[in-house]
C-alpha atoms as a PDB file:
ATOM      1  CA  MET A   1      96.832 -26.633  43.316  1.00  0.00           C
ATOM      2  CA  SER A   2      99.975 -25.545  41.546  1.00  0.00           C
ATOM      3  CA  ALA A   3     101.545 -22.191  42.295  1.00  0.00           C
ATOM      4  CA  GLY A   4     100.584 -19.577  39.772  1.00  0.00           C
ATOM      5  CA  VAL A   5      97.438 -21.403  38.643  1.00  0.00           C
ATOM      6  CA  PRO A   6      94.329 -19.584  39.908  1.00  0.00           C
ATOM      7  CA  ALA A   7      91.218 -21.439  41.015  1.00  0.00           C
ATOM      8  CA  CYS A   8      87.870 -21.115  39.300  1.00  0.00           C
ATOM      9  CA  ARG A   9      85.428 -20.565  42.165  1.00  0.00           C
ATOM     10  CA  ALA A  10      82.356 -21.600  40.210  1.00  0.00           C
ATOM     11  CA  VAL A  11      83.493 -25.211  39.870  1.00  0.00           C
ATOM     12  CA  ASN A  12      86.278 -25.292  42.486  1.00  0.00           C
ATOM     13  CA  VAL A  13      88.943 -26.568  40.106  1.00  0.00           C
ATOM     14  CA  PRO A  14      92.066 -24.820  38.881  1.00  0.00           C
ATOM     15  CA  VAL A  15      91.311 -22.683  35.831  1.00  0.00           C
ATOM     16  CA  ALA A  16      94.173 -24.383  34.036  1.00  0.00           C
ATOM     17  CA  VAL A  17      92.418 -27.758  34.347  1.00  0.00           C
ATOM     18  CA  SER A  18      89.425 -26.686  32.302  1.00  0.00           C
ATOM     19  CA  ALA A  19      91.602 -24.671  29.954  1.00  0.00           C
ATOM     20  CA  LEU A  20      94.005 -27.571  29.374  1.00  0.00           C
ATOM     21  CA  ILE A  21      91.122 -29.931  28.687  1.00  0.00           C
ATOM     22  CA  ILE A  22      89.573 -27.500  26.200  1.00  0.00           C
ATOM     23  CA  ALA A  23      92.887 -26.673  24.512  1.00  0.00           C
ATOM     24  CA  SER A  24      93.716 -30.367  24.218  1.00  0.00           C
ATOM     25  CA  GLY A  25      90.359 -31.172  22.652  1.00  0.00           C
ATOM     26  CA  ASN A  26      90.897 -28.329  20.203  1.00  0.00           C
ATOM     27  CA  GLY A  27      94.468 -29.350  19.447  1.00  0.00           C
ATOM     28  CA  ASP A  28      95.782 -25.916  20.459  1.00  0.00           C
ATOM     29  CA  LEU A  29      99.390 -26.833  21.160  1.00  0.00           C
ATOM     30  CA  ALA A  30     100.538 -23.307  22.016  1.00  0.00           C
ATOM     31  CA  VAL A  31      97.880 -22.884  24.698  1.00  0.00           C
ATOM     32  CA  MET A  32      98.523 -26.371  26.020  1.00  0.00           C
ATOM     33  CA  GLN A  33     102.241 -25.660  26.353  1.00  0.00           C
ATOM     34  CA  ALA A  34     101.607 -22.317  28.059  1.00  0.00           C
ATOM     35  CA  LEU A  35      99.314 -23.971  30.600  1.00  0.00           C
ATOM     36  CA  LEU A  36     101.721 -26.825  31.220  1.00  0.00           C
ATOM     37  CA  ASP A  37     104.545 -24.311  31.645  1.00  0.00           C
ATOM     38  CA  VAL A  38     102.662 -22.603  34.514  1.00  0.00           C
ATOM     39  CA  GLY A  39     102.001 -25.888  36.256  1.00  0.00           C
ATOM     40  CA  ALA A  40      98.740 -27.289  34.925  1.00  0.00           C
ATOM     41  CA  ASP A  41      98.393 -30.897  36.098  1.00  0.00           C
ATOM     42  CA  VAL A  42      98.482 -33.084  32.996  1.00  0.00           C
ATOM     43  CA  ASP A  43      96.282 -35.717  34.696  1.00  0.00           C
ATOM     44  CA  ALA A  44      93.831 -33.423  36.465  1.00  0.00           C
ATOM     45  CA  HIS A  45      90.200 -34.105  35.747  1.00  0.00           C
ATOM     46  CA  GLU A  46      87.079 -32.035  35.589  1.00  0.00           C
ATOM     47  CA  ASP A  47      83.860 -33.426  36.973  1.00  0.00           C
ATOM     48  CA  ASP A  48      81.577 -30.465  37.581  1.00  0.00           C
ATOM     49  CA  ARG A  49      79.264 -31.539  34.757  1.00  0.00           C
ATOM     50  CA  GLY A  50      78.536 -34.974  36.181  1.00  0.00           C
ATOM     51  CA  PHE A  51      81.372 -36.820  34.442  1.00  0.00           C
ATOM     52  CA  SER A  52      85.129 -36.945  34.575  1.00  0.00           C
ATOM     53  CA  THR A  53      87.489 -36.246  31.734  1.00  0.00           C
ATOM     54  CA  THR A  54      91.146 -35.419  31.286  1.00  0.00           C
ATOM     55  CA  ALA A  55      93.086 -33.523  28.675  1.00  0.00           C
ATOM     56  CA  LEU A  56      94.333 -36.821  27.238  1.00  0.00           C
ATOM     57  CA  ILE A  57      90.811 -38.237  26.962  1.00  0.00           C
ATOM     58  CA  GLU A  58      89.575 -35.106  25.169  1.00  0.00           C
ATOM     59  CA  ALA A  59      92.542 -34.962  22.793  1.00  0.00           C
ATOM     60  CA  THR A  60      92.059 -38.634  21.959  1.00  0.00           C
ATOM     61  CA  ARG A  61      88.293 -38.281  21.545  1.00  0.00           C
ATOM     62  CA  GLU A  62      88.791 -35.407  19.089  1.00  0.00           C
ATOM     63  CA  GLY A  63      91.575 -37.121  17.135  1.00  0.00           C
ATOM     64  CA  ARG A  64      94.186 -34.490  18.059  1.00  0.00           C
ATOM     65  CA  LEU A  65      97.234 -36.713  17.665  1.00  0.00           C
ATOM     66  CA  ALA A  66      99.811 -33.977  18.212  1.00  0.00           C
ATOM     67  CA  ALA A  67      98.051 -32.959  21.422  1.00  0.00           C
ATOM     68  CA  VAL A  68      97.967 -36.594  22.546  1.00  0.00           C
ATOM     69  CA  GLN A  69     101.712 -36.835  21.962  1.00  0.00           C
ATOM     70  CA  VAL A  70     102.425 -33.644  23.928  1.00  0.00           C
ATOM     71  CA  LEU A  71     100.387 -34.939  26.857  1.00  0.00           C
ATOM     72  CA  LEU A  72     102.045 -38.349  26.794  1.00  0.00           C
ATOM     73  CA  ASP A  73     105.473 -36.701  26.579  1.00  0.00           C
ATOM     74  CA  LYS A  74     104.529 -34.701  29.700  1.00  0.00           C
ATOM     75  CA  GLY A  75     103.672 -37.923  31.511  1.00  0.00           C
ATOM     76  CA  ALA A  76      99.905 -38.144  31.093  1.00  0.00           C
ATOM     77  CA  ASP A  77      98.502 -41.368  32.514  1.00  0.00           C
ATOM     78  CA  ALA A  78      96.844 -43.278  29.679  1.00  0.00           C
ATOM     79  CA  SER A  79      95.194 -45.656  32.148  1.00  0.00           C
ATOM     80  CA  ILE A  80      92.769 -43.042  33.534  1.00  0.00           C
ATOM     81  CA  ALA A  81      89.271 -43.883  32.305  1.00  0.00           C
ATOM     82  CA  ASP A  82      86.497 -41.490  31.325  1.00  0.00           C
ATOM     83  CA  GLY A  83      83.859 -41.454  33.991  1.00  0.00           C
END
């Protein structure tokens, strides 16, 4: 876990993971940048709901092209598959 990124005890993942995924799906570039600035892992995935997803997958799924570009510019791995 990155320094400065608290954990969410309910699902045992960094809060920034869920927040980055949600912000990316919503195309909220300001929130995405703030989370990335504090160390959110661009390729982290969330699987507490029985499936895996990443910020890049959610941004792509929702057609948030600017969010996709931000994530790719930050080094997001486009080869990670939705599970």
